[in-house]
Amino acid sequence: MKEIPQNKQSLTSRSGKAGNLREAIEQDIVSGHYAPGARLDEMELAARHSVSRTPVREALMQLSAMGLVRSIPNKGCFVNELTMADLIGMFEVMAELEGMCARLAARRMTDEALAELEALQADCQAACEQQAADDYYYANELFHRHLYEASGNCYLAQIAGQLHTRLKPFRRLQLRVPNRLAHSAAEHNAVIEALRARDPGRADELMRQHIIVQGDSFSDFLMAISSGPLGSEPVGRRQAAH
């Protein structure tokens, strides 16, 4: 095995540490440990996770790029606050982008790409059967990102991937909705059937329905974020005011 140069090994270690730390802070935000608008103190985070401030800064930069936190010069980093209009707007755009990905994939994806998507869905199904929400979350992300690539449009895949990243915490919260894992897995299977049939219109419609938050699903989602509470306080106050 080729030995990794010490400086490169150090960079790899720092990058991995920042990525793991980002996930941990993201989970703390999603679970409500840090409320919307809360200041994320570098020293407190370093002590909480037993790391230096360098990976904390890198993790906060990643979270800022995701839009989960905002950095204010001379004041620090704060958990971002979204209005319900912001959230609905992002999900509407995400639904259209993913629908387009599915439509193009139905026309363009190879048999090999379809087989890989089916394998990724098998991972989702296994996590669903075990009621392992975290495992499903990661398998689900791979499923969707593979579909973006299968569209054959690298620009579309890039834009869809960026918005997917922005919505990651909220997509994770969706999995708290009762029976959501089973419904999501079933929706994946329906999309795959449309892709097998090379039916672009059907694939588009099914994928948009899979993503969009509407009807009873919207009410359930509101309950999930109110118990979450990523953005729940601002959303709750705005809902009560109308």
Protein backbone atom coordinates (compact mmCIF):
# COMPACT_ATOMS: atom_id res chain seq x y z
CA MET A 1 0.00 0.00 0.00
CA LYS A 2 1.36 3.38 -1.00
CA GLU A 3 2.28 5.51 1.96
CA ILE A 4 0.42 8.81 2.22
CA PRO A 5 2.76 11.81 2.61
CA GLN A 6 2.56 13.26 6.10
CA ASN A 7 1.27 16.65 5.00
CA LYS A 8 -1.36 15.06 2.74
CA GLN A 9 -2.35 12.65 5.52
CA SER A 10 -2.78 15.62 7.84
CA LEU A 11 -5.00 17.41 5.32
CA THR A 12 -7.10 14.25 4.83
CA SER A 13 -7.44 13.83 8.57
CA ARG A 14 -8.52 17.45 9.03
CA SER A 15 -11.01 17.20 6.18
CA GLY A 16 -12.54 14.03 7.61
CA LYS A 17 -12.70 15.50 11.09
CA ALA A 18 -14.45 18.63 9.80
CA GLY A 19 -16.93 16.50 7.85
CA ASN A 20 -17.77 14.37 10.89
CA LEU A 21 -18.05 17.48 13.02
CA ARG A 22 -20.33 19.13 10.48
CA GLU A 23 -22.65 16.10 10.65
CA ALA A 24 -22.66 16.25 14.45
CA ILE A 25 -23.48 19.98 14.55
CA GLU A 26 -26.09 19.50 11.82
CA GLN A 27 -27.76 16.81 13.92
CA ASP A 28 -27.67 19.06 16.99
CA ILE A 29 -29.46 21.76 15.00
CA VAL A 30 -32.02 19.33 13.57
CA SER A 31 -32.72 17.83 16.99
CA GLY A 32 -33.19 21.26 18.55
CA HIS A 33 -30.07 21.41 20.73
CA TYR A 34 -29.33 24.68 18.94
CA ALA A 35 -32.49 26.68 18.29
CA PRO A 36 -33.08 28.91 15.25
CA GLY A 37 -31.15 32.14 15.70
CA ALA A 38 -28.81 30.63 18.31
CA ARG A 39 -25.16 31.70 18.21
CA LEU A 40 -22.69 28.89 17.52
CA ASP A 41 -19.70 29.63 19.71
CA GLU A 42 -16.45 28.14 18.36
CA MET A 43 -14.94 27.54 21.79
CA GLU A 44 -18.09 25.86 23.12
CA LEU A 45 -18.29 23.64 20.04
CA ALA A 46 -14.61 22.73 20.31
CA ALA A 47 -15.05 21.73 23.95
CA ARG A 48 -18.30 19.86 23.29
CA HIS A 49 -16.71 17.74 20.55
CA SER A 50 -13.18 17.55 22.00
CA VAL A 51 -11.51 19.11 18.97
CA SER A 52 -9.50 22.22 18.22
CA ARG A 53 -11.11 25.34 16.80
CA THR A 54 -9.69 24.69 13.30
CA PRO A 55 -12.08 21.82 12.40
CA VAL A 56 -14.89 23.79 14.06
CA ARG A 57 -14.26 26.72 11.70
CA GLU A 58 -14.14 24.35 8.71
CA ALA A 59 -17.37 22.66 9.78
CA LEU A 60 -19.12 26.02 10.22
CA MET A 61 -17.94 27.07 6.76
CA GLN A 62 -19.51 23.90 5.33
CA LEU A 63 -22.76 24.54 7.20
CA SER A 64 -22.74 28.13 5.96
CA ALA A 65 -22.33 26.92 2.38
CA MET A 66 -25.32 24.63 2.96
CA GLY A 67 -27.31 27.63 4.20
CA LEU A 68 -27.91 26.01 7.56
CA VAL A 69 -26.00 28.71 9.43
CA ARG A 70 -25.17 32.30 8.62
CA SER A 71 -21.96 34.15 9.37
CA ILE A 72 -22.15 37.78 10.50
CA PRO A 73 -18.85 39.72 10.44
CA ASN A 74 -17.56 40.58 13.93
CA LYS A 75 -20.48 38.74 15.53
CA GLY A 76 -20.06 35.07 14.66
CA CYS A 77 -22.14 32.22 13.24
CA PHE A 78 -25.82 31.75 13.95
CA VAL A 79 -28.35 29.03 13.18
CA ASN A 80 -30.32 30.19 10.17
CA GLU A 81 -34.01 30.97 10.44
CA LEU A 82 -36.39 30.26 7.58
CA THR A 83 -39.94 31.37 7.03
CA MET A 84 -42.50 28.80 5.98
CA ALA A 85 -42.60 30.54 2.59
CA ASP A 86 -38.84 29.92 2.23
CA LEU A 87 -39.24 26.25 3.03
CA ILE A 88 -42.23 25.68 0.75
CA GLY A 89 -40.47 27.54 -2.06
CA MET A 90 -37.38 25.37 -1.81
CA PHE A 91 -39.39 22.15 -1.80
CA GLU A 92 -41.38 23.33 -4.83
CA VAL A 93 -38.19 23.98 -6.78
CA MET A 94 -36.65 20.71 -5.58
CA ALA A 95 -39.72 18.79 -6.79
CA GLU A 96 -39.45 20.33 -10.25
CA LEU A 97 -35.71 19.67 -10.49
CA GLU A 98 -36.03 16.06 -9.38
CA GLY A 99 -38.98 15.54 -11.69
CA MET A 100 -36.85 16.77 -14.57
CA CYS A 101 -34.02 14.46 -13.52
CA ALA A 102 -36.39 11.48 -13.52
CA ARG A 103 -37.89 12.47 -16.88
CA LEU A 104 -34.48 12.71 -18.54
CA ALA A 105 -33.24 9.55 -16.81
CA ALA A 106 -36.20 7.59 -18.22
CA ARG A 107 -35.00 8.55 -21.69
CA ARG A 108 -31.24 8.39 -21.20
CA MET A 109 -30.09 6.14 -18.37
CA THR A 110 -28.27 2.96 -19.24
CA ASP A 111 -29.27 -0.49 -18.05
CA GLU A 112 -26.18 -0.43 -15.81
CA ALA A 113 -27.26 2.88 -14.23
CA LEU A 114 -30.75 1.49 -13.66
CA ALA A 115 -29.31 -1.61 -12.02
CA GLU A 116 -27.23 0.56 -9.70
CA LEU A 117 -30.30 2.60 -8.79
CA GLU A 118 -32.14 -0.62 -7.98
CA ALA A 119 -29.24 -1.69 -5.74
CA LEU A 120 -29.39 1.63 -3.92
CA GLN A 121 -33.13 1.18 -3.49
CA ALA A 122 -32.46 -2.25 -1.98
CA ASP A 123 -30.37 -0.48 0.68
CA CYS A 124 -33.25 1.93 1.31
CA GLN A 125 -35.68 -0.98 1.58
CA ALA A 126 -33.44 -2.81 4.06
CA ALA A 127 -33.17 0.30 6.24
CA CYS A 128 -36.94 0.76 6.03
CA GLU A 129 -37.61 -2.81 7.16
CA GLN A 130 -35.26 -2.30 10.11
CA GLN A 131 -36.86 1.09 10.89
CA ALA A 132 -33.35 2.54 10.84
CA ALA A 133 -34.10 6.17 10.02
CA ASP A 134 -30.47 7.30 9.94
CA ASP A 135 -29.45 4.44 7.64
CA TYR A 136 -32.41 5.24 5.42
CA TYR A 137 -31.43 8.90 5.35
CA TYR A 138 -27.95 8.14 3.98
CA ALA A 139 -29.14 5.44 1.55
CA ASN A 140 -31.88 7.78 0.34
CA GLU A 141 -29.35 10.52 -0.37
CA LEU A 142 -27.31 8.16 -2.54
CA PHE A 143 -30.48 7.09 -4.37
CA HIS A 144 -31.42 10.66 -5.24
CA ARG A 145 -27.92 11.77 -6.20
CA HIS A 146 -27.53 8.77 -8.49
CA LEU A 147 -30.79 9.73 -10.18
CA TYR A 148 -29.45 13.26 -10.74
CA GLU A 149 -26.41 11.82 -12.51
CA ALA A 150 -28.59 9.42 -14.50
CA SER A 151 -30.33 12.43 -16.07
CA GLY A 152 -27.28 12.82 -18.29
CA ASN A 153 -27.31 16.57 -17.72
CA CYS A 154 -24.35 17.57 -15.55
CA TYR A 155 -25.62 21.15 -15.07
CA LEU A 156 -29.02 19.91 -13.85
CA ALA A 157 -27.31 17.35 -11.58
CA GLN A 158 -25.15 20.10 -10.07
CA ILE A 159 -28.09 22.44 -9.37
CA ALA A 160 -30.24 19.63 -7.98
CA GLY A 161 -27.35 18.48 -5.79
CA GLN A 162 -26.84 21.95 -4.36
CA LEU A 163 -30.49 22.36 -3.39
CA HIS A 164 -30.56 18.81 -2.05
CA THR A 165 -27.70 19.78 0.27
CA ARG A 166 -29.57 22.90 1.37
CA LEU A 167 -32.64 20.85 2.25
CA LYS A 168 -30.82 17.95 3.94
CA PRO A 169 -31.84 18.84 7.52
CA PHE A 170 -35.49 19.19 6.53
CA ARG A 171 -35.46 15.97 4.51
CA ARG A 172 -34.05 14.28 7.59
CA LEU A 173 -36.89 15.68 9.68
CA GLN A 174 -39.43 14.29 7.19
CA LEU A 175 -38.31 10.83 8.22
CA ARG A 176 -39.75 11.50 11.69
CA VAL A 177 -43.25 11.49 10.23
CA PRO A 178 -44.98 8.20 11.14
CA ASN A 179 -44.82 5.64 8.31
CA ARG A 180 -42.72 7.99 6.18
CA LEU A 181 -39.98 5.39 5.64
CA ALA A 182 -42.46 2.90 4.21
CA HIS A 183 -44.15 5.51 2.04
CA SER A 184 -40.82 6.83 0.76
CA ALA A 185 -39.57 3.34 -0.13
CA ALA A 186 -42.82 2.57 -1.94
CA GLU A 187 -42.54 5.83 -3.88
CA HIS A 188 -38.98 4.93 -4.87
CA ASN A 189 -40.22 1.59 -6.19
CA ALA A 190 -42.90 3.30 -8.27
CA VAL A 191 -40.32 5.67 -9.78
CA ILE A 192 -38.07 2.73 -10.65
CA GLU A 193 -40.99 0.98 -12.37
CA ALA A 194 -41.55 4.09 -14.50
CA LEU A 195 -37.84 4.21 -15.33
CA ARG A 196 -37.87 0.53 -16.31
CA ALA A 197 -40.84 1.23 -18.58
CA ARG A 198 -38.96 4.20 -20.09
CA ASP A 199 -41.96 6.40 -19.32
CA PRO A 200 -40.62 9.98 -18.91
CA GLY A 201 -43.95 11.59 -18.05
CA ARG A 202 -44.80 9.02 -15.38
CA ALA A 203 -41.30 9.17 -13.88
CA ASP A 204 -41.50 12.97 -13.72
CA GLU A 205 -44.91 13.01 -12.04
CA LEU A 206 -44.02 10.32 -9.49
CA MET A 207 -40.78 12.00 -8.52
CA ARG A 208 -42.43 15.40 -8.08
CA GLN A 209 -45.09 13.83 -5.86
CA HIS A 210 -42.34 12.11 -3.89
CA ILE A 211 -40.66 15.41 -3.08
CA ILE A 212 -43.39 18.01 -2.72
CA VAL A 213 -44.85 18.69 0.73
CA GLN A 214 -48.62 19.01 0.39
CA GLY A 215 -51.98 17.96 1.81
CA ASP A 216 -51.90 15.62 4.81
CA SER A 217 -48.17 15.14 4.27
CA PHE A 218 -47.69 18.87 4.82
CA SER A 219 -49.58 18.75 8.13
CA ASP A 220 -47.50 15.78 9.25
CA PHE A 221 -44.34 17.58 8.24
CA LEU A 222 -45.34 20.63 10.28
CA MET A 223 -45.79 18.39 13.29
CA ALA A 224 -42.31 16.92 12.72
CA ILE A 225 -40.57 20.28 12.57
CA SER A 226 -42.56 21.60 15.54
CA SER A 227 -41.14 18.75 17.61
CA GLY A 228 -37.78 19.12 15.90
CA PRO A 229 -37.40 22.10 15.93
CA LEU A 230 -35.29 23.32 12.99
CA GLY A 231 -36.97 26.61 12.21
CA SER A 232 -40.01 25.59 14.23
CA GLU A 233 -40.21 28.64 16.48
CA PRO A 234 -40.28 31.20 13.66
CA VAL A 235 -42.67 29.00 11.68
CA GLY A 236 -44.93 28.43 14.67
CA ARG A 237 -45.12 32.13 15.49
CA ARG A 238 -45.92 33.03 11.89
CA GLN A 239 -48.58 30.34 11.63
CA ALA A 240 -50.22 31.53 14.86
CA ALA A 241 -50.31 35.10 13.59
CA HIS A 242 -52.48 34.24 10.60
